Amino acid sequence: MEEKALITGLQQGEPSAVDALVLAYGNRLLRAAFSLCGNPTDAQDIVQDTLVQAIQSIQRFRGDAALYTWLHGILLNMARRHRRRQGKLIPVENLPEEPNETQERPGPAGALVADEDAAALFAALQTISEEHREILVLRYFENQTIAQISDALGIPGGTVKSRLHYAVDALRKKMDKKL
């Protein structure tokens, strides 16, 4: 379903539009939520809360940004609320991976190294500050531009660049300690 038709359907309360929203953005939001919180169950709760909030407030969607950017902004707020309720960061121990069907799968030894590297990266990601983690997830996991990140977080582009620089540096230091 095209984005404009999807938005119109949601605004008119069409059940098929809700299904289309979940199909179009559910997995992507789930990956982002998991990257932010590090727990698959919590990530599912955050995405569910995000979708409910989006459906309830779709009438306020102005179309200034893409629908996914708007959804991701809601997701960030839900993840922050979840962290405040929890009061702590959750370390990542097991990372489920969805292989891309077009990618060649590595052998058992290569897969083990890749899994260990991914686990180390996600564990390090959970130890850096919330604002740095958000910037890294948006930039490198969501492939958003500086302008899109600026819009999503409501901060100037220069601040995004600065936080991104410090976030990469902090993550690099954490990874150096683990290697």
Protein backbone atom coordinates (compact mmCIF):
# COMPACT_ATOMS: atom_id res chain seq x y z
CA MET A 1 0.00 0.00 0.00
CA GLU A 2 1.33 3.43 -0.91
CA GLU A 3 2.20 5.68 2.04
CA LYS A 4 -0.46 8.32 1.31
CA ALA A 5 -3.16 5.67 0.93
CA LEU A 6 -1.95 4.04 4.13
CA ILE A 7 -2.16 7.31 6.05
CA THR A 8 -5.63 8.04 4.66
CA GLY A 9 -6.78 4.54 5.55
CA LEU A 10 -5.46 4.89 9.09
CA GLN A 11 -7.12 8.26 9.48
CA GLN A 12 -10.42 6.73 8.32
CA GLY A 13 -10.04 3.81 10.75
CA GLU A 14 -9.77 1.07 8.13
CA PRO A 15 -8.64 -2.26 9.68
CA SER A 16 -6.77 -3.16 6.48
CA ALA A 17 -4.66 -0.01 6.90
CA VAL A 18 -3.64 -1.14 10.40
CA ASP A 19 -2.60 -4.52 8.95
CA ALA A 20 -0.66 -2.75 6.20
CA LEU A 21 1.07 -0.51 8.76
CA VAL A 22 2.22 -3.50 10.79
CA LEU A 23 3.38 -5.35 7.66
CA ALA A 24 5.19 -2.35 6.24
CA TYR A 25 6.95 -1.10 9.36
CA GLY A 26 6.65 -3.70 12.12
CA ASN A 27 9.91 -5.59 11.55
CA ARG A 28 11.92 -2.43 11.00
CA LEU A 29 10.56 -0.90 14.19
CA LEU A 30 11.26 -4.14 16.05
CA ARG A 31 14.92 -4.12 14.96
CA ALA A 32 15.25 -0.50 16.04
CA ALA A 33 13.59 -1.18 19.39
CA PHE A 34 15.81 -4.18 19.99
CA SER A 35 18.88 -2.09 19.19
CA LEU A 36 17.75 0.48 21.72
CA CYS A 37 16.71 -1.80 24.60
CA GLY A 38 18.58 -5.06 24.03
CA ASN A 39 15.73 -7.37 25.04
CA PRO A 40 13.46 -9.06 22.47
CA THR A 41 10.42 -9.12 24.78
CA ASP A 42 10.81 -5.47 25.77
CA ALA A 43 11.37 -4.56 22.12
CA GLN A 44 8.07 -6.21 21.18
CA ASP A 45 6.28 -4.31 23.95
CA ILE A 46 7.83 -1.03 22.83
CA VAL A 47 6.80 -1.64 19.20
CA GLN A 48 3.27 -2.57 20.25
CA ASP A 49 3.02 0.61 22.34
CA THR A 50 4.44 2.58 19.41
CA LEU A 51 1.88 1.23 16.95
CA VAL A 52 -1.01 1.79 19.36
CA GLN A 53 0.14 5.37 19.99
CA ALA A 54 0.58 5.97 16.25
CA ILE A 55 -2.91 4.68 15.44
CA GLN A 56 -4.44 6.77 18.22
CA SER A 57 -2.66 9.94 17.11
CA ILE A 58 -2.68 9.50 13.32
CA GLN A 59 -5.05 12.47 12.99
CA ARG A 60 -2.19 14.69 14.22
CA PHE A 61 0.24 13.40 11.57
CA ARG A 62 1.02 16.47 9.45
CA GLY A 63 3.10 14.82 6.76
CA ASP A 64 6.14 17.03 7.37
CA ALA A 65 8.28 13.89 7.49
CA ALA A 66 7.96 10.37 6.14
CA LEU A 67 5.59 8.10 8.02
CA TYR A 68 8.46 5.90 9.20
CA THR A 69 10.33 8.93 10.58
CA TRP A 70 7.22 9.88 12.54
CA LEU A 71 6.79 6.30 13.77
CA HIS A 72 10.44 6.14 14.78
CA GLY A 73 10.05 9.33 16.80
CA ILE A 74 7.19 7.69 18.69
CA LEU A 75 9.34 4.57 19.12
CA LEU A 76 12.15 6.64 20.63
CA ASN A 77 9.74 8.18 23.12
CA MET A 78 8.32 4.77 24.03
CA ALA A 79 11.84 3.34 24.49
CA ARG A 80 12.78 6.28 26.73
CA ARG A 81 9.62 5.80 28.78
CA HIS A 82 10.37 2.09 29.08
CA ARG A 83 13.94 2.78 30.27
CA ARG A 84 12.70 5.27 32.85
CA ARG A 85 10.26 2.69 34.18
CA GLN A 86 12.99 0.08 34.30
CA GLY A 87 15.65 2.37 35.71
CA LYS A 88 18.51 0.42 34.18
CA LEU A 89 20.05 -0.81 30.95
CA ILE A 90 19.69 -4.42 29.97
CA PRO A 91 22.84 -6.23 28.82
CA VAL A 92 22.53 -8.13 25.57
CA GLU A 93 23.51 -11.77 25.73
CA ASN A 94 21.77 -13.54 22.86
CA LEU A 95 21.02 -11.81 19.61
CA PRO A 96 18.53 -13.37 17.23
CA GLU A 97 19.50 -12.85 13.65
CA GLU A 98 17.29 -12.86 10.59
CA PRO A 99 19.51 -13.82 7.66
CA ASN A 100 18.87 -11.97 4.45
CA GLU A 101 17.84 -14.54 1.85
CA THR A 102 20.01 -12.89 -0.81
CA GLN A 103 23.16 -13.02 1.29
CA GLU A 104 25.46 -15.99 1.20
CA ARG A 105 25.57 -17.63 4.58
CA PRO A 106 28.98 -18.11 6.16
CA GLY A 107 30.23 -21.51 7.27
CA PRO A 108 29.96 -22.57 10.92
CA ALA A 109 33.28 -20.99 11.93
CA GLY A 110 32.51 -17.71 10.11
CA ALA A 111 29.03 -17.59 11.61
CA LEU A 112 30.44 -18.08 15.11
CA VAL A 113 32.88 -15.18 14.67
CA ALA A 114 30.16 -12.99 13.17
CA ASP A 115 27.79 -13.82 16.06
CA GLU A 116 30.48 -13.05 18.63
CA ASP A 117 31.30 -9.75 16.93
CA ALA A 118 27.61 -8.80 16.74
CA ALA A 119 27.09 -9.74 20.38
CA ALA A 120 30.11 -7.66 21.42
CA LEU A 121 28.85 -4.70 19.37
CA PHE A 122 25.34 -4.82 20.81
CA ALA A 123 26.65 -5.31 24.35
CA ALA A 124 28.92 -2.28 23.91
CA LEU A 125 26.02 -0.32 22.43
CA GLN A 126 24.00 -0.94 25.60
CA THR A 127 26.75 0.56 27.78
CA ILE A 128 26.93 3.99 26.15
CA SER A 129 24.61 6.89 26.97
CA GLU A 130 21.03 6.92 25.73
CA GLU A 131 21.53 9.96 23.49
CA HIS A 132 24.60 8.40 21.88
CA ARG A 133 22.88 5.04 21.41
CA GLU A 134 19.88 6.72 19.74
CA ILE A 135 22.13 8.59 17.31
CA LEU A 136 24.04 5.43 16.38
CA VAL A 137 20.88 3.38 15.90
CA LEU A 138 19.29 6.03 13.71
CA ARG A 139 22.40 6.59 11.61
CA TYR A 140 23.85 3.12 11.20
CA PHE A 141 20.98 0.71 11.86
CA GLU A 142 18.21 2.80 10.33
CA ASN A 143 20.41 4.45 7.65
CA GLN A 144 18.89 7.86 8.32
CA THR A 145 20.57 11.04 7.14
CA ILE A 146 21.74 13.79 9.47
CA ALA A 147 18.67 15.84 8.45
CA GLN A 148 16.29 12.96 9.18
CA ILE A 149 17.90 12.36 12.57
CA SER A 150 17.68 16.08 13.30
CA ASP A 151 13.95 16.02 12.52
CA ALA A 152 13.33 12.82 14.48
CA LEU A 153 15.09 14.04 17.61
CA GLY A 154 14.19 17.72 17.28
CA ILE A 155 17.80 18.89 17.53
CA PRO A 156 19.99 20.90 15.14
CA GLY A 157 22.06 19.09 12.50
CA GLY A 158 25.28 20.30 14.10
CA THR A 159 24.27 18.69 17.38
CA VAL A 160 23.53 15.45 15.53
CA LYS A 161 26.99 15.51 13.95
CA SER A 162 28.65 16.25 17.29
CA ARG A 163 26.75 13.51 19.12
CA LEU A 164 27.47 11.10 16.30
CA HIS A 165 31.19 11.84 16.52
CA TYR A 166 31.26 11.31 20.28
CA ALA A 167 29.02 8.26 20.05
CA VAL A 168 31.29 6.56 17.52
CA ASP A 169 34.29 7.42 19.68
CA ALA A 170 32.63 6.04 22.83
CA LEU A 171 31.60 2.86 21.05
CA ARG A 172 35.06 2.43 19.55
CA LYS A 173 36.61 2.70 23.03
CA LYS A 174 34.19 0.13 24.42
CA MET A 175 34.92 -2.24 21.55
CA ASP A 176 38.69 -1.80 21.93
CA LYS A 177 38.39 -2.90 25.55
CA LYS A 178 36.49 -6.01 24.52
CA LEU A 179 38.90 -7.06 21.79
